[in-house]
N, C-alpha and C. Protein backbone atom coordinates (compact mmCIF):
# COMPACT_ATOMS: atom_id res chain seq x y z
N MET A 1 134.33 198.40 159.83
CA MET A 1 134.31 199.37 159.63
C MET A 1 135.10 200.67 159.86
N PHE A 2 135.54 201.61 159.51
CA PHE A 2 136.75 202.24 159.72
C PHE A 2 136.12 203.98 159.70
N LEU A 3 136.51 204.59 160.44
CA LEU A 3 136.09 206.14 160.44
C LEU A 3 137.55 207.00 160.07
N SER A 4 136.87 207.80 159.48
CA SER A 4 137.79 208.97 158.94
C SER A 4 137.74 209.66 159.96
N LEU A 5 139.16 209.94 160.35
CA LEU A 5 139.77 211.01 161.35
C LEU A 5 140.21 211.93 160.55
N THR A 6 139.91 213.49 161.06
CA THR A 6 140.71 214.73 160.34
C THR A 6 142.25 214.81 160.98
N THR A 7 143.03 215.58 160.52
CA THR A 7 144.04 215.70 161.01
C THR A 7 143.66 217.12 162.21
N GLY A 8 144.54 216.95 163.17
CA GLY A 8 143.98 217.46 164.36
C GLY A 8 143.07 217.36 165.15
N ALA A 9 142.86 215.85 165.38
CA ALA A 9 141.80 215.26 166.15
C ALA A 9 142.13 215.03 167.60
N CYS A 10 143.05 215.50 167.65
CA CYS A 10 144.05 215.87 169.12
C CYS A 10 144.38 216.48 169.57
N PRO A 11 144.87 217.37 170.24
CA PRO A 11 145.20 218.47 170.93
C PRO A 11 146.77 218.16 170.67
N ARG A 12 147.58 219.67 170.40
CA ARG A 12 149.07 219.37 170.29
C ARG A 12 149.93 218.51 171.74
N GLY A 13 150.48 217.93 171.08
CA GLY A 13 151.07 217.24 172.28
C GLY A 13 150.78 215.80 172.61
N GLN A 14 149.78 215.38 171.61
CA GLN A 14 148.90 213.93 171.52
C GLN A 14 149.01 213.57 170.42
N TYR A 15 148.41 212.16 169.93
CA TYR A 15 148.37 211.74 168.76
C TYR A 15 147.31 210.32 169.29
N TRP A 16 146.68 209.91 167.75
CA TRP A 16 145.41 209.31 167.74
C TRP A 16 145.99 207.90 167.77
N SER A 17 145.38 206.87 168.82
CA SER A 17 146.07 205.71 168.96
C SER A 17 145.18 204.68 169.16
N ASN A 18 145.53 203.31 169.48
CA ASN A 18 144.94 202.09 169.98
C ASN A 18 143.61 201.87 169.30
N CYS A 19 143.69 202.48 168.00
CA CYS A 19 142.58 202.28 166.95
C CYS A 19 142.16 200.81 166.88
N SER A 20 141.38 200.35 166.63
CA SER A 20 140.96 198.59 166.00
C SER A 20 139.53 198.50 165.51
N ASP A 21 139.36 197.42 164.98
CA ASP A 21 137.62 196.90 164.46
C ASP A 21 136.87 197.29 165.86
N SER A 22 137.25 196.87 166.42
CA SER A 22 136.43 197.25 167.92
C SER A 22 136.45 198.26 168.61
N HIS A 23 137.57 199.37 168.41
CA HIS A 23 137.72 200.45 169.77
C HIS A 23 138.33 201.56 168.56
N LEU A 24 137.75 202.77 168.72
CA LEU A 24 138.12 203.77 168.03
C LEU A 24 139.07 204.27 168.11
N GLY A 25 139.65 203.79 169.44
CA GLY A 25 141.18 204.55 169.43
C GLY A 25 140.61 205.67 170.58
N ASN A 26 141.54 206.53 170.90
CA ASN A 26 141.68 207.80 171.81
C ASN A 26 143.04 208.68 171.68
N CYS A 27 142.89 209.44 171.88
CA CYS A 27 144.61 210.52 172.18
C CYS A 27 145.36 210.14 173.28
N ILE A 28 146.62 209.88 172.83
CA ILE A 28 147.48 209.61 174.09
C ILE A 28 148.63 210.52 174.06
N PRO A 29 149.36 210.70 174.81
CA PRO A 29 150.20 211.73 174.71
C PRO A 29 151.82 211.43 173.99
N CYS A 30 152.39 212.58 173.36
CA CYS A 30 153.31 212.06 172.92
C CYS A 30 154.54 212.02 173.97
N THR A 31 155.83 211.07 173.41
CA THR A 31 156.68 210.67 174.42
C THR A 31 158.01 211.18 173.45
N SER A 32 157.87 211.79 172.32
CA SER A 32 159.26 211.91 171.59
C SER A 32 160.12 212.77 171.80
N THR A 33 159.97 213.56 173.15
CA THR A 33 160.99 214.53 173.95
C THR A 33 160.77 214.64 175.29
N ASP A 34 161.30 215.29 176.13
CA ASP A 34 161.19 215.41 177.42
C ASP A 34 160.24 216.70 177.63
N THR A 35 159.49 216.67 178.08
CA THR A 35 158.78 218.27 178.46
C THR A 35 159.14 219.20 179.49
N SER A 36 160.18 218.74 180.01
CA SER A 36 160.68 219.67 181.07
C SER A 36 161.46 220.70 180.12
N THR A 37 162.10 220.33 179.22
CA THR A 37 163.02 221.17 178.26
C THR A 37 162.40 221.67 176.70
N ALA A 38 161.34 221.33 176.87
CA ALA A 38 160.69 221.38 175.52
C ALA A 38 158.96 221.75 175.25
N THR A 39 158.95 222.02 174.62
CA THR A 39 157.09 222.25 174.15
C THR A 39 156.57 221.65 172.98
N TYR A 40 155.49 220.98 173.09
CA TYR A 40 155.10 220.37 171.96
C TYR A 40 154.37 221.44 171.09
N THR A 41 154.18 221.58 169.94
CA THR A 41 153.37 222.58 169.38
C THR A 41 152.54 221.72 168.15
N THR A 42 152.67 220.78 167.99
CA THR A 42 151.40 220.04 166.98
C THR A 42 151.23 218.94 167.67
N PRO A 43 149.93 218.51 167.11
CA PRO A 43 149.70 216.57 167.29
C PRO A 43 150.60 215.99 166.30
N GLY A 44 150.43 214.48 166.88
CA GLY A 44 151.42 213.80 166.46
C GLY A 44 150.11 213.18 164.90
N GLN A 45 150.42 212.97 163.86
CA GLN A 45 150.02 212.01 163.27
C GLN A 45 149.60 210.59 163.78
N PHE A 46 148.35 209.89 163.08
CA PHE A 46 147.75 209.26 163.29
C PHE A 46 148.81 207.97 163.29
N GLU A 47 148.54 207.50 164.68
CA GLU A 47 149.60 205.96 165.11
C GLU A 47 150.75 206.57 164.81
N ARG A 48 151.10 207.69 164.83
CA ARG A 48 152.47 208.28 165.08
C ARG A 48 152.88 208.98 166.23
N ASN A 49 153.94 208.63 167.20
CA ASN A 49 154.36 209.43 168.19
C ASN A 49 155.34 210.22 167.72
N ASP A 50 155.09 211.12 166.75
CA ASP A 50 155.57 212.19 166.17
C ASP A 50 155.35 213.76 166.15
N CYS A 51 154.84 214.22 167.54
CA CYS A 51 154.53 215.53 167.79
C CYS A 51 155.65 216.48 167.54
N MET A 52 155.92 217.44 166.85
CA MET A 52 156.48 218.45 166.59
C MET A 52 156.84 219.14 168.11
N PHE A 53 157.85 219.67 168.36
CA PHE A 53 158.04 220.65 169.53
C PHE A 53 159.25 221.75 169.43
N THR A 54 159.28 222.41 170.22
CA THR A 54 160.44 223.66 170.07
C THR A 54 160.95 223.64 171.60
N CYS A 55 162.31 224.21 171.47
CA CYS A 55 163.05 223.95 172.91
C CYS A 55 162.41 225.26 173.58
N ASN A 56 162.38 224.81 174.88
CA ASN A 56 162.21 226.22 175.97
C ASN A 56 163.50 227.09 175.69
N PRO A 57 163.00 228.36 176.40
CA PRO A 57 163.98 229.36 176.71
C PRO A 57 165.49 229.05 176.98
N ASN A 58 166.67 228.96 176.75
CA ASN A 58 167.97 228.75 177.11
C ASN A 58 168.02 227.34 177.06
N HIS A 59 167.39 226.81 175.93
CA HIS A 59 167.58 225.36 175.80
C HIS A 59 168.20 225.28 174.20
N TYR A 60 168.81 223.96 173.66
CA TYR A 60 169.17 223.92 172.16
C TYR A 60 168.68 222.72 171.90
N TYR A 61 168.35 222.41 170.51
CA TYR A 61 168.18 221.01 170.22
C TYR A 61 169.13 219.83 170.00
N ARG A 62 169.62 218.75 170.55
CA ARG A 62 170.60 218.13 170.34
C ARG A 62 169.70 216.97 169.32
N ARG A 63 170.70 216.48 168.41
CA ARG A 63 169.77 215.50 167.67
C ARG A 63 170.50 214.12 167.99
N ARG A 64 169.56 213.11 168.08
CA ARG A 64 170.05 211.99 168.98
C ARG A 64 169.89 210.68 167.51
N ALA A 65 169.53 210.98 166.51
CA ALA A 65 169.62 210.10 165.40
C ALA A 65 170.51 208.96 165.39
N GLY A 66 170.04 207.71 165.43
CA GLY A 66 171.00 206.61 165.56
C GLY A 66 171.55 206.19 166.68
N GLN A 67 171.29 207.11 167.82
CA GLN A 67 172.26 206.55 169.40
C GLN A 67 171.23 206.15 170.38
N GLY A 68 170.07 206.07 169.72
CA GLY A 68 169.01 205.12 170.28
C GLY A 68 168.39 205.76 171.72
N GLY A 69 168.38 206.93 171.50
CA GLY A 69 167.86 207.77 172.57
C GLY A 69 167.14 208.82 172.25
N ILE A 70 165.80 209.49 172.80
CA ILE A 70 165.15 210.74 172.20
C ILE A 70 165.32 211.71 171.98
N ASN A 71 165.21 212.28 170.91
CA ASN A 71 165.49 213.71 170.67
C ASN A 71 165.15 214.57 171.63
N LYS A 72 166.23 215.61 172.04
CA LYS A 72 165.52 216.32 173.15
C LYS A 72 166.28 217.88 172.99
N CYS A 73 165.71 218.63 173.77
CA CYS A 73 166.35 219.91 174.06
C CYS A 73 167.31 220.28 175.41
N VAL A 74 168.58 220.42 175.37
CA VAL A 74 169.53 220.47 176.66
C VAL A 74 169.72 222.18 176.74
N PRO A 75 170.23 222.26 178.04
CA PRO A 75 170.26 223.63 178.61
C PRO A 75 171.87 223.98 177.60
N CYS A 76 171.70 225.29 177.31
CA CYS A 76 172.96 226.00 176.92
C CYS A 76 173.89 226.26 177.56
N THR A 77 175.24 225.83 176.96
CA THR A 77 176.15 226.25 177.87
C THR A 77 176.39 227.66 178.52
N PRO A 78 176.78 227.49 179.84
CA PRO A 78 176.70 228.73 180.54
C PRO A 78 178.05 229.24 180.30
N CYS A 79 177.94 230.50 180.29
CA CYS A 79 178.95 231.79 179.75
C CYS A 79 180.14 231.51 181.00
N PRO A 80 181.35 231.46 180.49
CA PRO A 80 182.52 231.36 181.97
C PRO A 80 182.37 232.66 182.24
N LEU A 81 183.11 232.74 183.36
CA LEU A 81 182.80 234.19 184.31
C LEU A 81 183.92 234.88 183.96
N GLY A 82 183.59 236.01 183.83
CA GLY A 82 184.65 237.29 183.18
C GLY A 82 184.33 237.14 181.37
N SER A 83 183.46 236.63 180.90
CA SER A 83 183.17 236.39 179.33
C SER A 83 182.03 236.73 178.74
N ARG A 84 181.90 236.89 177.67
CA ARG A 84 180.39 236.68 177.18
C ARG A 84 180.86 236.47 175.60
N TYR A 85 179.67 235.75 175.08
CA TYR A 85 179.45 235.21 173.74
C TYR A 85 179.01 236.21 173.06
N LEU A 86 179.33 236.04 171.68
CA LEU A 86 179.12 236.92 170.72
C LEU A 86 177.66 236.59 169.83
N THR A 87 177.56 235.49 170.00
CA THR A 87 175.87 234.77 169.51
C THR A 87 175.29 234.06 170.65
N ALA A 88 173.74 234.52 170.87
CA ALA A 88 172.98 233.99 172.10
C ALA A 88 172.88 232.42 171.78
N CYS A 89 172.33 231.60 172.52
CA CYS A 89 171.79 230.05 172.19
C CYS A 89 170.70 230.44 171.55
N SER A 90 170.44 229.39 170.63
CA SER A 90 169.14 229.32 169.95
C SER A 90 168.96 227.80 169.69
N GLN A 91 167.71 227.68 168.77
CA GLN A 91 166.74 226.79 169.01
C GLN A 91 167.94 224.91 168.39
N ASP A 92 169.01 225.38 167.62
CA ASP A 92 169.71 224.69 167.06
C ASP A 92 170.81 224.88 167.66
N VAL A 93 171.50 225.81 168.05
CA VAL A 93 172.89 226.04 168.26
C VAL A 93 173.27 226.46 169.93
N ASP A 94 174.23 225.73 170.57
CA ASP A 94 174.59 226.22 171.56
C ASP A 94 175.53 227.56 171.41
N LEU A 95 175.77 228.03 172.58
CA LEU A 95 175.78 229.31 172.79
C LEU A 95 177.47 229.27 172.26
N LEU A 96 178.32 228.04 172.24
CA LEU A 96 179.67 228.13 171.76
C LEU A 96 179.93 227.89 170.60
N GLY A 97 178.72 228.11 169.96
CA GLY A 97 178.37 227.89 168.28
C GLY A 97 178.70 226.47 167.93
N GLY A 98 178.33 225.38 168.73
CA GLY A 98 178.62 224.16 168.06
C GLY A 98 176.79 223.40 167.92
N SER A 99 176.45 223.03 167.11
CA SER A 99 175.40 222.18 167.32
C SER A 99 175.96 220.58 167.17
N GLU A 100 175.14 219.72 167.81
CA GLU A 100 175.54 218.63 167.80
C GLU A 100 174.59 217.78 167.05
């Protein structure tokens, strides 16, 4: 017997896992990013550690596809003393204007 679970059964930052014929499963924390630099915005899909997240202030998203690491937000590059940037750091671009 299988139970039908609705989307959003787990709170943001968690996903439904460990489901089997004899166990209904439970919500477990997502580990798809470092929560010291980012905040989860959605729950993950059933049996998928794929919670969406947004970078915390003064951090930008560094893509890690194919590099074996987790996707993460990293600190923006500090402005050199005596200078200023024309554009601010955003979710996808560092202060220097380059995204990785």
